[in-house]
Amino acid sequence: ARLDAVKSIEELKAFSIGQATPWTDVKILEANQFNVVIANNYEGLFQMLGMRRFDLFSRGVIEIHSEWTAHKDKVPGLAIEKHMMLAYPMPRYFFVPRTPAGEKMAERIEDGLLRLARSGEFERRYLAYKKLVLADINLSGRRVFRLSNPQLSDKAPPLTDKFWWDDLSAELAPRKPAATH
């Protein structure tokens, strides 16, 4: 109920957020002045949340529903917040060995992604994946608090790059009530 009253990012910062030690999210949240409570492992976060050692457990849109499904019976009161969300650029990278074979693999990955983009197949697959991932969570009408990511490398592609997944505008738009006859 207290979360329902949050209207600003400053009000949201009054809540503590649980995260795991090695996650990049820790540094992002701390750089944006959030109170972060750190656990040593992923499963421990659910136990700590259940014991109220922190207020919120921030999860990505691609993770939240499956994690809620897996843990809702073990953590009484576990719920997905319905009125707001945090958003920040978080790239996914392919890491390859620093060897001649690894360099060749990196070139093949990049070439394959660029071919998929040129043919339109990347966008088609991306939209199908996005639809699947978001099918079980309702983003409609949520307040979005955008955070900076100081962890981004200067070598990261610009945020306008076609491979960034940042456009949730259709999913965030308030839904119009169904017409009644």
N, C-alpha and C. Protein backbone atom coordinates (compact mmCIF):
# COMPACT_ATOMS: atom_id res chain seq x y z
N ALA A 1 0.83 -1.20 0.00
CA ALA A 1 0.00 0.00 0.00
C ALA A 1 0.87 1.25 0.00
N ARG A 2 2.01 1.23 0.68
CA ARG A 2 2.88 2.41 0.70
C ARG A 2 3.40 2.72 -0.69
N LEU A 3 3.64 1.70 -1.50
CA LEU A 3 4.15 1.93 -2.85
C LEU A 3 3.13 2.66 -3.72
N ASP A 4 1.85 2.43 -3.47
CA ASP A 4 0.81 3.09 -4.26
C ASP A 4 0.89 4.61 -4.15
N ALA A 5 1.46 5.12 -3.06
CA ALA A 5 1.54 6.56 -2.84
C ALA A 5 2.77 7.19 -3.50
N VAL A 6 3.68 6.39 -4.01
CA VAL A 6 4.92 6.92 -4.59
C VAL A 6 4.62 7.64 -5.91
N LYS A 7 5.03 8.90 -5.97
CA LYS A 7 4.81 9.70 -7.18
C LYS A 7 6.11 10.17 -7.82
N SER A 8 7.21 10.09 -7.07
CA SER A 8 8.48 10.59 -7.59
C SER A 8 9.60 9.59 -7.30
N ILE A 9 10.68 9.76 -8.02
CA ILE A 9 11.83 8.89 -7.79
C ILE A 9 12.41 9.12 -6.40
N GLU A 10 12.33 10.34 -5.91
CA GLU A 10 12.82 10.63 -4.56
C GLU A 10 12.02 9.86 -3.52
N GLU A 11 10.71 9.77 -3.69
CA GLU A 11 9.88 8.98 -2.77
C GLU A 11 10.23 7.50 -2.87
N LEU A 12 10.52 7.03 -4.07
CA LEU A 12 10.87 5.63 -4.26
C LEU A 12 12.20 5.29 -3.56
N LYS A 13 13.09 6.26 -3.49
CA LYS A 13 14.39 6.04 -2.86
C LYS A 13 14.29 5.81 -1.35
N ALA A 14 13.13 6.04 -0.77
CA ALA A 14 12.92 5.76 0.66
C ALA A 14 12.83 4.26 0.92
N PHE A 15 12.64 3.47 -0.12
CA PHE A 15 12.53 2.01 0.00
C PHE A 15 13.88 1.36 -0.26
N SER A 16 14.17 0.30 0.46
CA SER A 16 15.41 -0.45 0.22
C SER A 16 15.16 -1.50 -0.86
N ILE A 17 16.20 -1.75 -1.66
CA ILE A 17 16.10 -2.68 -2.78
C ILE A 17 17.14 -3.79 -2.62
N GLY A 18 16.69 -5.03 -2.69
CA GLY A 18 17.59 -6.18 -2.59
C GLY A 18 18.20 -6.53 -3.93
N GLN A 19 19.50 -6.86 -3.90
CA GLN A 19 20.24 -7.27 -5.10
C GLN A 19 21.33 -8.24 -4.68
N ALA A 20 21.90 -8.94 -5.64
CA ALA A 20 22.98 -9.90 -5.34
C ALA A 20 24.35 -9.27 -5.64
N THR A 21 25.34 -9.72 -4.90
CA THR A 21 26.69 -9.14 -4.94
C THR A 21 27.25 -8.88 -6.34
N PRO A 22 27.28 -9.86 -7.25
CA PRO A 22 28.00 -9.59 -8.50
C PRO A 22 27.21 -8.81 -9.55
N TRP A 23 25.94 -8.50 -9.30
CA TRP A 23 25.10 -7.92 -10.34
C TRP A 23 25.47 -6.48 -10.64
N THR A 24 25.49 -6.14 -11.92
CA THR A 24 25.74 -4.77 -12.37
C THR A 24 24.70 -3.82 -11.82
N ASP A 25 23.49 -4.31 -11.61
CA ASP A 25 22.39 -3.47 -11.11
C ASP A 25 22.76 -2.80 -9.79
N VAL A 26 23.57 -3.45 -8.96
CA VAL A 26 23.96 -2.88 -7.67
C VAL A 26 24.61 -1.52 -7.88
N LYS A 27 25.59 -1.46 -8.77
CA LYS A 27 26.30 -0.20 -9.01
C LYS A 27 25.40 0.84 -9.66
N ILE A 28 24.50 0.41 -10.51
CA ILE A 28 23.57 1.34 -11.16
C ILE A 28 22.64 1.95 -10.11
N LEU A 29 22.05 1.11 -9.27
CA LEU A 29 21.13 1.61 -8.24
C LEU A 29 21.86 2.50 -7.24
N GLU A 30 23.05 2.10 -6.82
CA GLU A 30 23.81 2.92 -5.88
C GLU A 30 24.20 4.26 -6.49
N ALA A 31 24.60 4.26 -7.76
CA ALA A 31 24.96 5.51 -8.44
C ALA A 31 23.77 6.46 -8.56
N ASN A 32 22.57 5.89 -8.56
CA ASN A 32 21.35 6.69 -8.62
C ASN A 32 20.77 6.94 -7.23
N GLN A 33 21.58 6.75 -6.20
CA GLN A 33 21.28 7.03 -4.79
C GLN A 33 20.14 6.19 -4.19
N PHE A 34 20.03 4.94 -4.61
CA PHE A 34 19.08 4.03 -3.97
C PHE A 34 19.77 3.32 -2.82
N ASN A 35 18.99 2.93 -1.82
CA ASN A 35 19.48 2.15 -0.68
C ASN A 35 19.44 0.68 -1.09
N VAL A 36 20.61 0.10 -1.33
CA VAL A 36 20.69 -1.28 -1.83
C VAL A 36 21.15 -2.21 -0.71
N VAL A 37 20.39 -3.29 -0.52
CA VAL A 37 20.75 -4.33 0.44
C VAL A 37 21.27 -5.50 -0.38
N ILE A 38 22.48 -5.95 -0.06
CA ILE A 38 23.14 -6.95 -0.89
C ILE A 38 23.11 -8.32 -0.24
N ALA A 39 22.80 -9.33 -1.06
CA ALA A 39 22.84 -10.73 -0.63
C ALA A 39 23.96 -11.42 -1.39
N ASN A 40 24.41 -12.54 -0.85
CA ASN A 40 25.49 -13.28 -1.50
C ASN A 40 25.00 -14.18 -2.61
N ASN A 41 23.70 -14.50 -2.61
CA ASN A 41 23.21 -15.38 -3.67
C ASN A 41 21.76 -15.07 -4.00
N TYR A 42 21.37 -15.50 -5.17
CA TYR A 42 20.06 -15.23 -5.73
C TYR A 42 18.92 -15.77 -4.86
N GLU A 43 18.96 -17.04 -4.50
CA GLU A 43 17.87 -17.63 -3.70
C GLU A 43 17.75 -16.94 -2.34
N GLY A 44 18.88 -16.52 -1.78
CA GLY A 44 18.85 -15.83 -0.50
C GLY A 44 18.06 -14.54 -0.55
N LEU A 45 17.99 -13.92 -1.72
CA LEU A 45 17.23 -12.68 -1.86
C LEU A 45 15.75 -12.90 -1.58
N PHE A 46 15.21 -14.01 -2.04
CA PHE A 46 13.80 -14.29 -1.80
C PHE A 46 13.54 -14.52 -0.31
N GLN A 47 14.45 -15.23 0.35
CA GLN A 47 14.32 -15.45 1.79
C GLN A 47 14.40 -14.12 2.54
N MET A 48 15.35 -13.27 2.16
CA MET A 48 15.51 -11.98 2.81
C MET A 48 14.29 -11.09 2.59
N LEU A 49 13.72 -11.13 1.40
CA LEU A 49 12.51 -10.35 1.13
C LEU A 49 11.37 -10.85 2.00
N GLY A 50 11.23 -12.16 2.10
CA GLY A 50 10.20 -12.75 2.95
C GLY A 50 10.36 -12.37 4.41
N MET A 51 11.60 -12.16 4.86
CA MET A 51 11.87 -11.77 6.24
C MET A 51 11.91 -10.24 6.40
N ARG A 52 11.57 -9.53 5.32
CA ARG A 52 11.50 -8.07 5.32
C ARG A 52 12.84 -7.38 5.62
N ARG A 53 13.91 -7.97 5.15
CA ARG A 53 15.23 -7.33 5.33
C ARG A 53 15.43 -6.19 4.34
N PHE A 54 14.61 -6.16 3.31
CA PHE A 54 14.55 -5.03 2.39
C PHE A 54 13.12 -4.96 1.88
N ASP A 55 12.80 -3.84 1.22
CA ASP A 55 11.41 -3.59 0.81
C ASP A 55 11.07 -4.12 -0.58
N LEU A 56 12.00 -4.01 -1.51
CA LEU A 56 11.73 -4.32 -2.91
C LEU A 56 12.84 -5.20 -3.48
N PHE A 57 12.47 -6.01 -4.44
CA PHE A 57 13.45 -6.84 -5.16
C PHE A 57 13.28 -6.49 -6.63
N SER A 58 14.13 -5.65 -7.15
CA SER A 58 14.02 -5.16 -8.52
C SER A 58 14.44 -6.26 -9.50
N ARG A 59 13.55 -6.57 -10.43
CA ARG A 59 13.81 -7.60 -11.44
C ARG A 59 13.51 -7.05 -12.83
N GLY A 60 14.15 -7.59 -13.83
CA GLY A 60 13.94 -7.16 -15.20
C GLY A 60 12.64 -7.72 -15.76
N VAL A 61 12.11 -7.05 -16.78
CA VAL A 61 10.85 -7.50 -17.37
C VAL A 61 10.96 -8.90 -17.97
N ILE A 62 12.17 -9.31 -18.36
CA ILE A 62 12.30 -10.66 -18.93
C ILE A 62 12.38 -11.73 -17.85
N GLU A 63 12.51 -11.33 -16.59
CA GLU A 63 12.69 -12.28 -15.50
C GLU A 63 11.49 -12.36 -14.55
N ILE A 64 10.79 -11.27 -14.39
CA ILE A 64 9.92 -11.11 -13.24
C ILE A 64 8.79 -12.13 -13.14
N HIS A 65 8.11 -12.40 -14.23
CA HIS A 65 6.96 -13.31 -14.13
C HIS A 65 7.38 -14.74 -13.82
N SER A 66 8.41 -15.23 -14.49
CA SER A 66 8.84 -16.62 -14.23
C SER A 66 9.38 -16.75 -12.80
N GLU A 67 10.06 -15.73 -12.30
CA GLU A 67 10.59 -15.78 -10.94
C GLU A 67 9.45 -15.69 -9.92
N TRP A 68 8.47 -14.87 -10.19
CA TRP A 68 7.31 -14.77 -9.30
C TRP A 68 6.59 -16.13 -9.25
N THR A 69 6.40 -16.73 -10.41
CA THR A 69 5.73 -18.03 -10.48
C THR A 69 6.50 -19.08 -9.68
N ALA A 70 7.81 -19.07 -9.79
CA ALA A 70 8.64 -20.07 -9.10
C ALA A 70 8.71 -19.86 -7.59
N HIS A 71 8.49 -18.63 -7.10
CA HIS A 71 8.71 -18.34 -5.68
C HIS A 71 7.47 -17.89 -4.91
N LYS A 72 6.34 -17.68 -5.57
CA LYS A 72 5.16 -17.12 -4.89
C LYS A 72 4.65 -18.01 -3.75
N ASP A 73 4.81 -19.31 -3.87
CA ASP A 73 4.34 -20.20 -2.81
C ASP A 73 5.31 -20.28 -1.64
N LYS A 74 6.56 -19.88 -1.87
CA LYS A 74 7.58 -19.94 -0.81
C LYS A 74 7.71 -18.63 -0.05
N VAL A 75 7.31 -17.53 -0.67
CA VAL A 75 7.44 -16.20 -0.05
C VAL A 75 6.05 -15.60 0.09
N PRO A 76 5.47 -15.67 1.29
CA PRO A 76 4.13 -15.12 1.49
C PRO A 76 4.07 -13.63 1.11
N GLY A 77 3.04 -13.27 0.36
CA GLY A 77 2.85 -11.88 -0.01
C GLY A 77 3.68 -11.41 -1.20
N LEU A 78 4.44 -12.31 -1.81
CA LEU A 78 5.25 -11.93 -2.97
C LEU A 78 4.32 -11.46 -4.09
N ALA A 79 4.58 -10.28 -4.62
CA ALA A 79 3.72 -9.72 -5.66
C ALA A 79 4.56 -8.91 -6.64
N ILE A 80 4.03 -8.75 -7.83
CA ILE A 80 4.65 -7.89 -8.84
C ILE A 80 3.99 -6.52 -8.72
N GLU A 81 4.78 -5.49 -8.49
CA GLU A 81 4.27 -4.13 -8.36
C GLU A 81 3.62 -3.73 -9.68
N LYS A 82 2.46 -3.06 -9.63
CA LYS A 82 1.67 -2.83 -10.83
C LYS A 82 1.62 -1.39 -11.33
N HIS A 83 2.26 -0.46 -10.64
CA HIS A 83 2.06 0.95 -11.00
C HIS A 83 3.31 1.68 -11.47
N MET A 84 4.47 1.08 -11.28
CA MET A 84 5.70 1.77 -11.69
C MET A 84 6.76 0.75 -12.08
N MET A 85 7.82 1.28 -12.69
CA MET A 85 8.96 0.44 -13.02
C MET A 85 10.20 1.32 -13.17
N LEU A 86 11.35 0.71 -12.91
CA LEU A 86 12.63 1.35 -13.16
C LEU A 86 13.07 0.95 -14.56
N ALA A 87 13.75 1.85 -15.24
CA ALA A 87 14.28 1.54 -16.57
C ALA A 87 15.67 2.15 -16.70
N TYR A 88 16.59 1.35 -17.20
CA TYR A 88 17.93 1.86 -17.48
C TYR A 88 18.56 1.00 -18.56
N PRO A 89 19.45 1.60 -19.34
CA PRO A 89 20.09 0.82 -20.40
C PRO A 89 20.95 -0.29 -19.80
N MET A 90 20.71 -1.50 -20.24
CA MET A 90 21.46 -2.66 -19.73
C MET A 90 21.76 -3.58 -20.91
N PRO A 91 22.95 -3.46 -21.47
CA PRO A 91 23.27 -4.28 -22.64
C PRO A 91 23.49 -5.74 -22.28
N ARG A 92 23.29 -6.59 -23.25
CA ARG A 92 23.64 -8.01 -23.17
C ARG A 92 24.75 -8.22 -24.18
N TYR A 93 25.82 -8.82 -23.74
CA TYR A 93 26.97 -9.01 -24.62
C TYR A 93 27.24 -10.49 -24.83
N PHE A 94 27.89 -10.79 -25.95
CA PHE A 94 28.45 -12.11 -26.19
C PHE A 94 29.93 -12.00 -25.82
N PHE A 95 30.38 -12.84 -24.92
CA PHE A 95 31.80 -12.85 -24.56
C PHE A 95 32.45 -14.06 -25.22
N VAL A 96 33.58 -13.81 -25.82
CA VAL A 96 34.33 -14.87 -26.50
C VAL A 96 35.77 -14.84 -26.00
N PRO A 97 36.49 -15.94 -26.14
CA PRO A 97 37.89 -15.95 -25.70
C PRO A 97 38.75 -14.98 -26.53
N ARG A 98 39.78 -14.46 -25.90
CA ARG A 98 40.73 -13.58 -26.62
C ARG A 98 41.78 -14.45 -27.30
N THR A 99 41.31 -15.17 -28.27
CA THR A 99 42.17 -16.06 -29.06
C THR A 99 41.80 -15.86 -30.53
N PRO A 100 42.61 -16.34 -31.45
CA PRO A 100 42.22 -16.24 -32.86
C PRO A 100 40.84 -16.88 -33.12
N ALA A 101 40.59 -18.02 -32.50
CA ALA A 101 39.28 -18.68 -32.68
C ALA A 101 38.16 -17.82 -32.09
N GLY A 102 38.43 -17.20 -30.94
CA GLY A 102 37.44 -16.33 -30.32
C GLY A 102 37.15 -15.10 -31.16
N GLU A 103 38.19 -14.52 -31.76
CA GLU A 103 38.00 -13.36 -32.64
C GLU A 103 37.16 -13.74 -33.85
N LYS A 104 37.43 -14.92 -34.40
CA LYS A 104 36.64 -15.39 -35.55
C LYS A 104 35.18 -15.58 -35.13
N MET A 105 34.98 -16.14 -33.95
CA MET A 105 33.62 -16.33 -33.44
C MET A 105 32.92 -14.98 -33.28
N ALA A 106 33.61 -13.99 -32.74
CA ALA A 106 33.03 -12.66 -32.55
C ALA A 106 32.62 -12.06 -33.90
N GLU A 107 33.47 -12.22 -34.90
CA GLU A 107 33.14 -11.71 -36.24
C GLU A 107 31.90 -12.41 -36.79
N ARG A 108 31.81 -13.71 -36.59
CA ARG A 108 30.65 -14.47 -37.09
C ARG A 108 29.36 -14.04 -36.39
N ILE A 109 29.45 -13.81 -35.07
CA ILE A 109 28.28 -13.36 -34.32
C ILE A 109 27.83 -12.00 -34.83
N GLU A 110 28.78 -11.07 -34.95
CA GLU A 110 28.43 -9.73 -35.43
C GLU A 110 27.86 -9.78 -36.84
N ASP A 111 28.50 -10.54 -37.72
CA ASP A 111 28.02 -10.66 -39.09
C ASP A 111 26.61 -11.24 -39.11
N GLY A 112 26.37 -12.26 -38.31
CA GLY A 112 25.04 -12.87 -38.27
C GLY A 112 23.98 -11.90 -37.78
N LEU A 113 24.30 -11.14 -36.73
CA LEU A 113 23.34 -10.16 -36.21
C LEU A 113 23.05 -9.07 -37.25
N LEU A 114 24.08 -8.60 -37.93
CA LEU A 114 23.88 -7.57 -38.95
C LEU A 114 23.06 -8.10 -40.12
N ARG A 115 23.29 -9.34 -40.52
CA ARG A 115 22.48 -9.94 -41.59
C ARG A 115 21.02 -10.05 -41.17
N LEU A 116 20.81 -10.49 -39.93
CA LEU A 116 19.44 -10.58 -39.42
C LEU A 116 18.77 -9.21 -39.41
N ALA A 117 19.52 -8.18 -39.01
CA ALA A 117 18.97 -6.82 -38.97
C ALA A 117 18.62 -6.34 -40.38
N ARG A 118 19.51 -6.53 -41.33
CA ARG A 118 19.27 -6.07 -42.71
C ARG A 118 18.06 -6.76 -43.33
N SER A 119 17.88 -8.02 -43.03
CA SER A 119 16.77 -8.77 -43.64
C SER A 119 15.43 -8.52 -42.94
N GLY A 120 15.48 -7.89 -41.76
CA GLY A 120 14.25 -7.67 -41.00
C GLY A 120 13.94 -8.81 -40.04
N GLU A 121 14.72 -9.88 -40.14
CA GLU A 121 14.48 -11.06 -39.30
C GLU A 121 14.77 -10.77 -37.82
N PHE A 122 15.78 -9.94 -37.54
CA PHE A 122 16.09 -9.61 -36.15
C PHE A 122 14.88 -8.94 -35.49
N GLU A 123 14.31 -7.95 -36.17
CA GLU A 123 13.16 -7.25 -35.61
C GLU A 123 11.96 -8.19 -35.45
N ARG A 124 11.73 -9.04 -36.44
CA ARG A 124 10.61 -9.98 -36.36
C ARG A 124 10.77 -10.89 -35.14
N ARG A 125 11.96 -11.44 -34.98
CA ARG A 125 12.20 -12.34 -33.84
C ARG A 125 12.15 -11.58 -32.52
N TYR A 126 12.72 -10.38 -32.53
CA TYR A 126 12.71 -9.54 -31.33
C TYR A 126 11.27 -9.25 -30.89
N LEU A 127 10.42 -8.84 -31.83
CA LEU A 127 9.04 -8.52 -31.48
C LEU A 127 8.28 -9.75 -30.99
N ALA A 128 8.55 -10.91 -31.59
CA ALA A 128 7.91 -12.15 -31.13
C ALA A 128 8.37 -12.49 -29.72
N TYR A 129 9.66 -12.34 -29.45
CA TYR A 129 10.21 -12.60 -28.11
C TYR A 129 9.64 -11.62 -27.10
N LYS A 130 9.61 -10.35 -27.47
CA LYS A 130 9.08 -9.31 -26.59
C LYS A 130 7.62 -9.61 -26.23
N LYS A 131 6.84 -10.00 -27.22
CA LYS A 131 5.43 -10.32 -26.98
C LYS A 131 5.31 -11.50 -26.01
N LEU A 132 6.13 -12.52 -26.21
CA LEU A 132 6.11 -13.70 -25.34
C LEU A 132 6.50 -13.33 -23.91
N VAL A 133 7.57 -12.56 -23.76
CA VAL A 133 8.08 -12.18 -22.44
C VAL A 133 7.07 -11.31 -21.69
N LEU A 134 6.43 -10.40 -22.40
CA LEU A 134 5.54 -9.44 -21.74
C LEU A 134 4.10 -9.93 -21.63
N ALA A 135 3.81 -11.11 -22.16
CA ALA A 135 2.43 -11.61 -22.18
C ALA A 135 1.82 -11.73 -20.79
N ASP A 136 2.62 -12.06 -19.80
CA ASP A 136 2.08 -12.33 -18.47
C ASP A 136 2.18 -11.16 -17.50
N ILE A 137 2.73 -10.05 -17.94
CA ILE A 137 2.79 -8.88 -17.06
C ILE A 137 2.14 -7.70 -17.77
N ASN A 138 1.45 -6.91 -17.01
CA ASN A 138 0.75 -5.76 -17.56
C ASN A 138 1.57 -4.50 -17.29
N LEU A 139 2.12 -3.91 -18.32
CA LEU A 139 2.90 -2.69 -18.16
C LEU A 139 2.05 -1.44 -18.35
N SER A 140 0.83 -1.62 -18.79
CA SER A 140 -0.04 -0.50 -19.14
C SER A 140 -0.17 0.53 -18.02
N GLY A 141 0.10 1.78 -18.37
CA GLY A 141 -0.11 2.89 -17.45
C GLY A 141 0.93 3.03 -16.35
N ARG A 142 1.98 2.26 -16.37
CA ARG A 142 2.99 2.36 -15.30
C ARG A 142 3.78 3.66 -15.40
N ARG A 143 4.13 4.17 -14.26
CA ARG A 143 5.05 5.31 -14.17
C ARG A 143 6.46 4.73 -14.33
N VAL A 144 7.24 5.32 -15.23
CA VAL A 144 8.58 4.83 -15.49
C VAL A 144 9.60 5.81 -14.92
N PHE A 145 10.47 5.30 -14.06
CA PHE A 145 11.56 6.09 -13.52
C PHE A 145 12.83 5.67 -14.26
N ARG A 146 13.37 6.56 -15.06
CA ARG A 146 14.56 6.26 -15.87
C ARG A 146 15.81 6.60 -15.07
N LEU A 147 16.72 5.64 -15.02
CA LEU A 147 17.98 5.81 -14.31
C LEU A 147 19.14 5.83 -15.30
N SER A 148 20.21 6.48 -14.90
CA SER A 148 21.42 6.44 -15.72
C SER A 148 22.18 5.16 -15.39
N ASN A 149 23.00 4.72 -16.32
CA ASN A 149 23.84 3.55 -16.11
C ASN A 149 25.30 3.97 -16.26
N PRO A 150 25.96 4.30 -15.14
CA PRO A 150 27.36 4.72 -15.22
C PRO A 150 28.30 3.58 -15.59
N GLN A 151 27.80 2.37 -15.64
CA GLN A 151 28.62 1.20 -15.98
C GLN A 151 28.80 1.05 -17.49
N LEU A 152 28.02 1.79 -18.28
CA LEU A 152 28.13 1.66 -19.73
C LEU A 152 29.50 2.11 -20.21
N SER A 153 30.08 1.33 -21.04
CA SER A 153 31.39 1.64 -21.62
C SER A 153 31.23 2.74 -22.67
N ASP A 154 32.26 3.54 -22.83
CA ASP A 154 32.27 4.53 -23.91
C ASP A 154 32.20 3.84 -25.27
N LYS A 155 32.54 2.56 -25.30
CA LYS A 155 32.53 1.80 -26.55
C LYS A 155 31.15 1.18 -26.83
N ALA A 156 30.21 1.33 -25.88
CA ALA A 156 28.87 0.77 -26.09
C ALA A 156 28.20 1.51 -27.25
N PRO A 157 27.39 0.81 -28.03
CA PRO A 157 26.70 1.49 -29.13
C PRO A 157 25.76 2.56 -28.60
N PRO A 158 25.49 3.59 -29.38
CA PRO A 158 24.57 4.63 -28.92
C PRO A 158 23.19 4.05 -28.62
N LEU A 159 22.45 4.70 -27.72
CA LEU A 159 21.15 4.18 -27.31
C LEU A 159 20.14 4.16 -28.44
N THR A 160 20.42 4.82 -29.53
CA THR A 160 19.51 4.78 -30.67
C THR A 160 19.80 3.59 -31.58
N ASP A 161 20.81 2.82 -31.27
CA ASP A 161 21.19 1.67 -32.08
C ASP A 161 20.04 0.67 -32.17
N LYS A 162 19.91 0.03 -33.33
CA LYS A 162 18.78 -0.88 -33.57
C LYS A 162 18.76 -2.11 -32.68
N PHE A 163 19.87 -2.39 -31.99
CA PHE A 163 19.91 -3.58 -31.15
C PHE A 163 19.53 -3.31 -29.69
N TRP A 164 19.20 -2.08 -29.34
CA TRP A 164 18.77 -1.77 -27.96
C TRP A 164 17.28 -2.06 -27.84
N TRP A 165 16.90 -2.73 -26.78
CA TRP A 165 15.48 -2.98 -26.50
C TRP A 165 15.04 -1.95 -25.48
N ASP A 166 14.47 -0.85 -25.93
CA ASP A 166 14.08 0.20 -25.00
C ASP A 166 12.68 0.72 -25.29
N ASP A 167 12.11 0.33 -26.40
CA ASP A 167 10.81 0.89 -26.74
C ASP A 167 9.68 0.03 -26.18
N LEU A 168 9.17 0.47 -25.05
CA LEU A 168 8.00 -0.19 -24.45
C LEU A 168 6.80 0.75 -24.49
N SER A 169 6.86 1.77 -25.35
CA SER A 169 5.81 2.78 -25.36
C SER A 169 4.42 2.18 -25.60
N ALA A 170 4.31 1.22 -26.49
CA ALA A 170 3.00 0.61 -26.74
C ALA A 170 2.50 -0.14 -25.52
N GLU A 171 3.40 -0.83 -24.84
CA GLU A 171 3.02 -1.62 -23.67
C GLU A 171 2.71 -0.73 -22.46
N LEU A 172 3.35 0.44 -22.38
CA LEU A 172 3.16 1.33 -21.24
C LEU A 172 1.94 2.23 -21.39
N ALA A 173 1.45 2.39 -22.61
CA ALA A 173 0.30 3.27 -22.84
C ALA A 173 -0.90 2.75 -22.06
N PRO A 174 -1.63 3.67 -21.40
CA PRO A 174 -2.83 3.24 -20.68
C PRO A 174 -3.80 2.56 -21.65
N ARG A 175 -4.37 1.48 -21.20
CA ARG A 175 -5.33 0.76 -22.04
C ARG A 175 -6.69 1.44 -21.97
N LYS A 176 -7.32 1.52 -23.12
CA LYS A 176 -8.66 2.10 -23.18
C LYS A 176 -9.65 1.04 -22.74
N PRO A 177 -10.64 1.44 -21.93
CA PRO A 177 -11.64 0.45 -21.52
C PRO A 177 -12.39 -0.09 -22.74
N ALA A 178 -12.76 -1.33 -22.66
CA ALA A 178 -13.51 -1.96 -23.75
C ALA A 178 -14.87 -1.29 -23.88
N ALA A 179 -15.29 -1.11 -25.10
CA ALA A 179 -16.59 -0.48 -25.35
C ALA A 179 -17.70 -1.41 -24.89
N THR A 180 -18.71 -0.83 -24.28
CA THR A 180 -19.87 -1.62 -23.85
C THR A 180 -21.05 -1.25 -24.71
N HIS A 181 -21.84 -2.21 -25.03
CA HIS A 181 -23.01 -1.97 -25.89
C HIS A 181 -24.27 -2.31 -25.16
